[in-house]
């Protein structure tokens, strides 16, 4: 069963993703920021991370993962902040994210993206 690491500082988003992915047959583990998530990367098949979080954000996490040579696919997501969310999503793609989704996202699109990202590892 694929293991998916969910990283977001919003409990509602974590809960929604957990429910969606567990119903689809995936194992999930959760972190509330990139610092915590970074410690949980071993044995993970996919990372889904918010980009704007306290401590270590998703952009920093992507950079650290690439520096460490980690090849696990990452789905980045952002609702924006002070600027248009597309700016953050473009940065995530430039840092190697498999996909970048704007919040709020369609659950069917998220699930399809998860399946594609996991298939890309095979």
N, C-alpha and C. Protein backbone atom coordinates (compact mmCIF):
# COMPACT_ATOMS: atom_id res chain seq x y z
N UNK A 1 0.84 -1.17 0.00
CA UNK A 1 0.00 0.00 0.00
C UNK A 1 0.89 1.25 0.00
N UNK A 2 0.73 2.14 -0.96
CA UNK A 2 1.55 3.35 -1.00
C UNK A 2 1.34 4.22 0.24
N UNK A 3 2.47 4.80 0.72
CA UNK A 3 2.44 5.69 1.88
C UNK A 3 2.57 7.13 1.39
N UNK A 4 1.62 7.96 1.81
CA UNK A 4 1.58 9.35 1.37
C UNK A 4 1.74 10.25 2.59
N UNK A 5 2.70 11.16 2.51
CA UNK A 5 2.92 12.14 3.56
C UNK A 5 2.16 13.41 3.22
N UNK A 6 1.27 13.81 4.12
CA UNK A 6 0.47 15.02 3.96
C UNK A 6 1.06 16.09 4.87
N UNK A 7 1.36 17.26 4.31
CA UNK A 7 1.94 18.34 5.11
C UNK A 7 1.12 19.60 4.89
N UNK A 8 0.48 20.08 5.94
CA UNK A 8 -0.30 21.32 5.88
C UNK A 8 -0.54 21.82 7.29
N UNK A 9 -0.55 23.11 7.47
CA UNK A 9 -0.81 23.67 8.80
C UNK A 9 -2.30 23.87 9.05
N UNK A 10 -3.14 23.50 8.10
CA UNK A 10 -4.60 23.63 8.22
C UNK A 10 -5.18 22.24 8.51
N UNK A 11 -5.71 22.05 9.72
CA UNK A 11 -6.24 20.75 10.13
C UNK A 11 -7.39 20.29 9.24
N UNK A 12 -8.19 21.22 8.74
CA UNK A 12 -9.31 20.85 7.88
C UNK A 12 -8.81 20.26 6.56
N UNK A 13 -7.78 20.84 6.00
CA UNK A 13 -7.20 20.32 4.75
C UNK A 13 -6.61 18.93 5.00
N UNK A 14 -5.87 18.78 6.09
CA UNK A 14 -5.31 17.46 6.42
C UNK A 14 -6.41 16.42 6.56
N UNK A 15 -7.48 16.78 7.25
CA UNK A 15 -8.59 15.85 7.45
C UNK A 15 -9.26 15.47 6.14
N UNK A 16 -9.47 16.43 5.27
CA UNK A 16 -10.09 16.16 3.97
C UNK A 16 -9.22 15.23 3.14
N UNK A 17 -7.92 15.54 3.08
CA UNK A 17 -7.00 14.69 2.31
C UNK A 17 -6.89 13.30 2.91
N UNK A 18 -6.80 13.21 4.23
CA UNK A 18 -6.72 11.91 4.90
C UNK A 18 -7.92 11.05 4.53
N UNK A 19 -9.11 11.60 4.65
CA UNK A 19 -10.33 10.85 4.35
C UNK A 19 -10.36 10.41 2.89
N UNK A 20 -10.07 11.34 1.98
CA UNK A 20 -10.07 11.04 0.55
C UNK A 20 -9.10 9.90 0.22
N UNK A 21 -7.88 10.02 0.71
CA UNK A 21 -6.84 9.07 0.34
C UNK A 21 -7.00 7.72 1.04
N UNK A 22 -7.43 7.72 2.27
CA UNK A 22 -7.64 6.45 2.96
C UNK A 22 -8.80 5.68 2.35
N UNK A 23 -9.85 6.37 1.95
CA UNK A 23 -10.97 5.71 1.26
C UNK A 23 -10.52 5.11 -0.07
N UNK A 24 -9.51 5.71 -0.69
CA UNK A 24 -8.98 5.22 -1.96
C UNK A 24 -7.94 4.12 -1.75
N UNK A 25 -7.66 3.77 -0.48
CA UNK A 25 -6.76 2.66 -0.21
C UNK A 25 -5.31 3.02 0.07
N UNK A 26 -5.04 4.29 0.33
CA UNK A 26 -3.68 4.72 0.61
C UNK A 26 -3.46 4.88 2.11
N UNK A 27 -2.22 4.65 2.53
CA UNK A 27 -1.84 4.92 3.91
C UNK A 27 -1.35 6.36 3.98
N UNK A 28 -1.78 7.10 4.98
CA UNK A 28 -1.35 8.49 5.11
C UNK A 28 -0.68 8.71 6.46
N UNK A 29 0.30 9.60 6.45
CA UNK A 29 0.86 10.13 7.67
C UNK A 29 0.87 11.64 7.51
N UNK A 30 0.89 12.36 8.63
CA UNK A 30 0.68 13.80 8.57
C UNK A 30 1.73 14.58 9.35
N UNK A 31 1.98 15.78 8.83
CA UNK A 31 2.85 16.75 9.50
C UNK A 31 2.21 18.12 9.34
N UNK A 32 2.50 19.00 10.28
CA UNK A 32 1.88 20.33 10.25
C UNK A 32 2.80 21.42 9.70
N UNK A 33 4.04 21.07 9.37
CA UNK A 33 4.93 22.02 8.69
C UNK A 33 6.07 21.24 8.05
N UNK A 34 6.84 21.92 7.23
CA UNK A 34 7.91 21.27 6.48
C UNK A 34 9.02 20.71 7.36
N UNK A 35 9.27 21.32 8.49
CA UNK A 35 10.32 20.81 9.39
C UNK A 35 9.93 19.42 9.90
N UNK A 36 8.71 19.30 10.37
CA UNK A 36 8.22 18.01 10.85
C UNK A 36 8.15 17.01 9.69
N UNK A 37 7.66 17.45 8.55
CA UNK A 37 7.54 16.58 7.39
C UNK A 37 8.88 16.06 6.91
N UNK A 38 9.89 16.89 6.96
CA UNK A 38 11.23 16.48 6.51
C UNK A 38 11.74 15.28 7.30
N UNK A 39 11.39 15.21 8.57
CA UNK A 39 11.83 14.09 9.42
C UNK A 39 11.06 12.80 9.11
N UNK A 40 9.99 12.90 8.31
CA UNK A 40 9.13 11.74 8.04
C UNK A 40 9.27 11.21 6.61
N UNK A 41 10.24 11.67 5.86
CA UNK A 41 10.34 11.35 4.44
C UNK A 41 10.77 9.91 4.12
N UNK A 42 11.48 9.26 5.01
CA UNK A 42 11.95 7.91 4.71
C UNK A 42 10.77 6.95 4.55
N UNK A 43 10.79 6.17 3.48
CA UNK A 43 9.74 5.19 3.24
C UNK A 43 8.46 5.76 2.67
N UNK A 44 8.50 7.00 2.24
CA UNK A 44 7.31 7.66 1.68
C UNK A 44 7.31 7.51 0.16
N UNK A 45 6.12 7.27 -0.40
CA UNK A 45 5.98 7.12 -1.84
C UNK A 45 5.54 8.40 -2.54
N UNK A 46 4.94 9.32 -1.79
CA UNK A 46 4.44 10.58 -2.35
C UNK A 46 4.30 11.59 -1.23
N UNK A 47 4.61 12.85 -1.53
CA UNK A 47 4.41 13.94 -0.59
C UNK A 47 3.38 14.90 -1.19
N UNK A 48 2.41 15.27 -0.37
CA UNK A 48 1.47 16.34 -0.74
C UNK A 48 1.68 17.44 0.29
N UNK A 49 2.12 18.61 -0.18
CA UNK A 49 2.46 19.67 0.76
C UNK A 49 1.86 21.02 0.38
N UNK A 50 1.44 21.73 1.41
CA UNK A 50 1.08 23.13 1.25
C UNK A 50 2.39 23.88 1.04
N UNK A 51 2.29 25.03 0.41
CA UNK A 51 3.51 25.82 0.18
C UNK A 51 3.72 26.90 1.23
N UNK A 52 2.65 27.44 1.79
CA UNK A 52 2.78 28.51 2.78
C UNK A 52 2.45 27.98 4.16
N UNK A 53 3.50 27.81 4.97
CA UNK A 53 3.36 27.30 6.34
C UNK A 53 4.41 27.97 7.21
N UNK A 54 4.17 27.96 8.53
CA UNK A 54 5.20 28.48 9.43
C UNK A 54 6.41 27.54 9.47
N UNK A 55 7.46 28.00 10.09
CA UNK A 55 8.71 27.23 10.21
C UNK A 55 9.28 26.98 8.82
N UNK A 56 9.32 25.74 8.38
CA UNK A 56 9.83 25.40 7.05
C UNK A 56 8.62 25.25 6.13
N UNK A 57 8.54 26.10 5.10
CA UNK A 57 7.38 26.02 4.21
C UNK A 57 7.62 25.00 3.10
N UNK A 58 6.62 24.80 2.26
CA UNK A 58 6.71 23.80 1.20
C UNK A 58 7.77 24.10 0.16
N UNK A 59 7.99 25.37 -0.13
CA UNK A 59 9.02 25.74 -1.09
C UNK A 59 10.40 25.36 -0.54
N UNK A 60 10.64 25.71 0.72
CA UNK A 60 11.91 25.34 1.35
C UNK A 60 12.08 23.82 1.41
N UNK A 61 11.00 23.12 1.72
CA UNK A 61 11.05 21.66 1.78
C UNK A 61 11.43 21.07 0.42
N UNK A 62 10.82 21.56 -0.64
CA UNK A 62 11.17 21.09 -1.99
C UNK A 62 12.65 21.30 -2.27
N UNK A 63 13.16 22.46 -1.93
CA UNK A 63 14.58 22.74 -2.14
C UNK A 63 15.47 21.80 -1.35
N UNK A 64 15.12 21.55 -0.10
CA UNK A 64 15.90 20.64 0.75
C UNK A 64 15.84 19.21 0.22
N UNK A 65 14.68 18.78 -0.25
CA UNK A 65 14.55 17.43 -0.80
C UNK A 65 15.42 17.26 -2.03
N UNK A 66 15.45 18.26 -2.88
CA UNK A 66 16.26 18.17 -4.09
C UNK A 66 17.74 18.16 -3.75
N UNK A 67 18.15 18.99 -2.76
CA UNK A 67 19.55 19.01 -2.32
C UNK A 67 19.98 17.65 -1.79
N UNK A 68 19.06 16.96 -1.12
CA UNK A 68 19.35 15.65 -0.54
C UNK A 68 19.24 14.54 -1.58
N UNK A 69 18.83 14.87 -2.79
CA UNK A 69 18.71 13.88 -3.85
C UNK A 69 17.48 13.00 -3.75
N UNK A 70 16.49 13.44 -3.01
CA UNK A 70 15.26 12.66 -2.88
C UNK A 70 14.44 12.78 -4.16
N UNK A 71 13.97 11.64 -4.64
CA UNK A 71 13.24 11.64 -5.90
C UNK A 71 11.75 11.35 -5.73
N UNK A 72 11.29 11.29 -4.50
CA UNK A 72 9.87 11.06 -4.26
C UNK A 72 9.05 12.19 -4.90
N UNK A 73 7.97 11.84 -5.63
CA UNK A 73 7.18 12.90 -6.24
C UNK A 73 6.47 13.76 -5.19
N UNK A 74 6.29 15.02 -5.54
CA UNK A 74 5.65 15.97 -4.64
C UNK A 74 4.50 16.65 -5.39
N UNK A 75 3.36 16.69 -4.73
CA UNK A 75 2.24 17.49 -5.20
C UNK A 75 2.18 18.70 -4.29
N UNK A 76 2.39 19.87 -4.86
CA UNK A 76 2.35 21.12 -4.09
C UNK A 76 0.97 21.73 -4.22
N UNK A 77 0.54 22.42 -3.17
CA UNK A 77 -0.75 23.09 -3.21
C UNK A 77 -0.64 24.41 -2.47
N UNK A 78 -1.41 25.40 -2.96
CA UNK A 78 -1.37 26.71 -2.32
C UNK A 78 -2.67 27.45 -2.57
N UNK A 79 -3.08 28.17 -1.55
CA UNK A 79 -4.23 29.06 -1.67
C UNK A 79 -3.79 30.50 -1.85
N UNK A 80 -2.50 30.68 -1.95
CA UNK A 80 -1.97 32.03 -2.14
C UNK A 80 -1.45 32.60 -0.86
N UNK A 81 -1.76 33.79 -0.63
CA UNK A 81 -1.23 34.53 0.50
C UNK A 81 -1.36 35.98 0.11
N UNK A 82 -0.28 36.68 0.15
CA UNK A 82 -0.30 38.10 -0.23
C UNK A 82 -0.21 38.29 -1.73
N UNK A 83 0.17 37.22 -2.42
CA UNK A 83 0.25 37.30 -3.88
C UNK A 83 -0.60 36.19 -4.48
N UNK A 84 -0.75 36.22 -5.77
CA UNK A 84 -1.52 35.22 -6.50
C UNK A 84 -0.93 33.84 -6.25
N UNK A 85 -1.77 32.82 -5.93
CA UNK A 85 -1.24 31.48 -5.67
C UNK A 85 -0.45 30.90 -6.83
N UNK A 86 -0.73 31.35 -8.05
CA UNK A 86 0.01 30.83 -9.21
C UNK A 86 1.51 31.10 -9.09
N UNK A 87 1.88 32.20 -8.45
CA UNK A 87 3.30 32.52 -8.28
C UNK A 87 4.00 31.44 -7.47
N UNK A 88 3.40 31.04 -6.36
CA UNK A 88 3.98 30.00 -5.51
C UNK A 88 3.99 28.66 -6.24
N UNK A 89 2.92 28.38 -6.96
CA UNK A 89 2.81 27.11 -7.67
C UNK A 89 3.85 27.01 -8.78
N UNK A 90 4.13 28.12 -9.45
CA UNK A 90 5.17 28.14 -10.49
C UNK A 90 6.55 27.87 -9.90
N UNK A 91 6.82 28.44 -8.73
CA UNK A 91 8.09 28.21 -8.05
C UNK A 91 8.21 26.73 -7.69
N UNK A 92 7.12 26.14 -7.18
CA UNK A 92 7.14 24.73 -6.82
C UNK A 92 7.45 23.86 -8.03
N UNK A 93 6.84 24.16 -9.16
CA UNK A 93 7.11 23.39 -10.38
C UNK A 93 8.58 23.54 -10.79
N UNK A 94 9.10 24.76 -10.67
CA UNK A 94 10.50 25.01 -11.04
C UNK A 94 11.45 24.22 -10.13
N UNK A 95 11.03 23.96 -8.89
CA UNK A 95 11.85 23.19 -7.95
C UNK A 95 11.65 21.69 -8.08
N UNK A 96 10.82 21.28 -9.04
CA UNK A 96 10.67 19.86 -9.30
C UNK A 96 9.41 19.20 -8.81
N UNK A 97 8.42 19.97 -8.35
CA UNK A 97 7.16 19.35 -7.94
C UNK A 97 6.54 18.63 -9.14
N UNK A 98 5.98 17.46 -8.90
CA UNK A 98 5.32 16.71 -9.96
C UNK A 98 4.12 17.49 -10.47
N UNK A 99 3.36 18.06 -9.53
CA UNK A 99 2.16 18.83 -9.89
C UNK A 99 1.99 19.95 -8.88
N UNK A 100 1.25 20.96 -9.27
CA UNK A 100 0.96 22.09 -8.40
C UNK A 100 -0.51 22.44 -8.55
N UNK A 101 -1.25 22.34 -7.45
CA UNK A 101 -2.69 22.58 -7.47
C UNK A 101 -3.05 23.78 -6.61
N UNK A 102 -3.97 24.57 -7.13
CA UNK A 102 -4.45 25.73 -6.40
C UNK A 102 -5.57 25.32 -5.46
N UNK A 103 -5.53 25.85 -4.23
CA UNK A 103 -6.62 25.62 -3.27
C UNK A 103 -7.71 26.67 -3.52
N UNK A 104 -8.96 26.32 -3.39
CA UNK A 104 -9.45 24.96 -3.15
C UNK A 104 -9.34 24.13 -4.41
N UNK A 105 -9.05 22.86 -4.25
CA UNK A 105 -8.90 21.97 -5.39
C UNK A 105 -10.08 21.00 -5.43
N UNK A 106 -10.34 20.48 -6.61
CA UNK A 106 -11.37 19.48 -6.80
C UNK A 106 -10.83 18.14 -6.28
N UNK A 107 -11.60 17.44 -5.47
CA UNK A 107 -11.12 16.19 -4.88
C UNK A 107 -10.84 15.12 -5.94
N UNK A 108 -11.65 15.09 -6.99
CA UNK A 108 -11.40 14.12 -8.07
C UNK A 108 -10.09 14.43 -8.79
N UNK A 109 -9.79 15.71 -8.97
CA UNK A 109 -8.54 16.12 -9.60
C UNK A 109 -7.36 15.73 -8.70
N UNK A 110 -7.49 15.95 -7.41
CA UNK A 110 -6.43 15.57 -6.48
C UNK A 110 -6.18 14.07 -6.54
N UNK A 111 -7.25 13.28 -6.50
CA UNK A 111 -7.10 11.83 -6.52
C UNK A 111 -6.46 11.36 -7.83
N UNK A 112 -6.87 11.92 -8.94
CA UNK A 112 -6.28 11.57 -10.24
C UNK A 112 -4.80 11.95 -10.27
N UNK A 113 -4.46 13.10 -9.71
CA UNK A 113 -3.06 13.55 -9.68
C UNK A 113 -2.22 12.63 -8.80
N UNK A 114 -2.78 12.19 -7.68
CA UNK A 114 -2.09 11.24 -6.80
C UNK A 114 -1.80 9.95 -7.56
N UNK A 115 -2.79 9.43 -8.26
CA UNK A 115 -2.60 8.18 -9.01
C UNK A 115 -1.53 8.35 -10.08
N UNK A 116 -1.55 9.47 -10.78
CA UNK A 116 -0.55 9.72 -11.84
C UNK A 116 0.85 9.84 -11.24
N UNK A 117 0.96 10.57 -10.13
CA UNK A 117 2.27 10.77 -9.50
C UNK A 117 2.84 9.42 -9.03
N UNK A 118 2.00 8.58 -8.43
CA UNK A 118 2.47 7.28 -7.97
C UNK A 118 2.85 6.40 -9.15
N UNK A 119 2.08 6.46 -10.21
CA UNK A 119 2.39 5.67 -11.42
C UNK A 119 3.70 6.12 -12.05
N UNK A 120 4.05 7.39 -11.89
CA UNK A 120 5.29 7.91 -12.48
C UNK A 120 6.52 7.30 -11.82
N UNK A 121 6.37 6.77 -10.63
CA UNK A 121 7.49 6.15 -9.91
C UNK A 121 7.78 4.75 -10.41
N UNK A 122 6.77 4.13 -11.02
CA UNK A 122 6.90 2.71 -11.43
C UNK A 122 7.80 2.56 -12.64
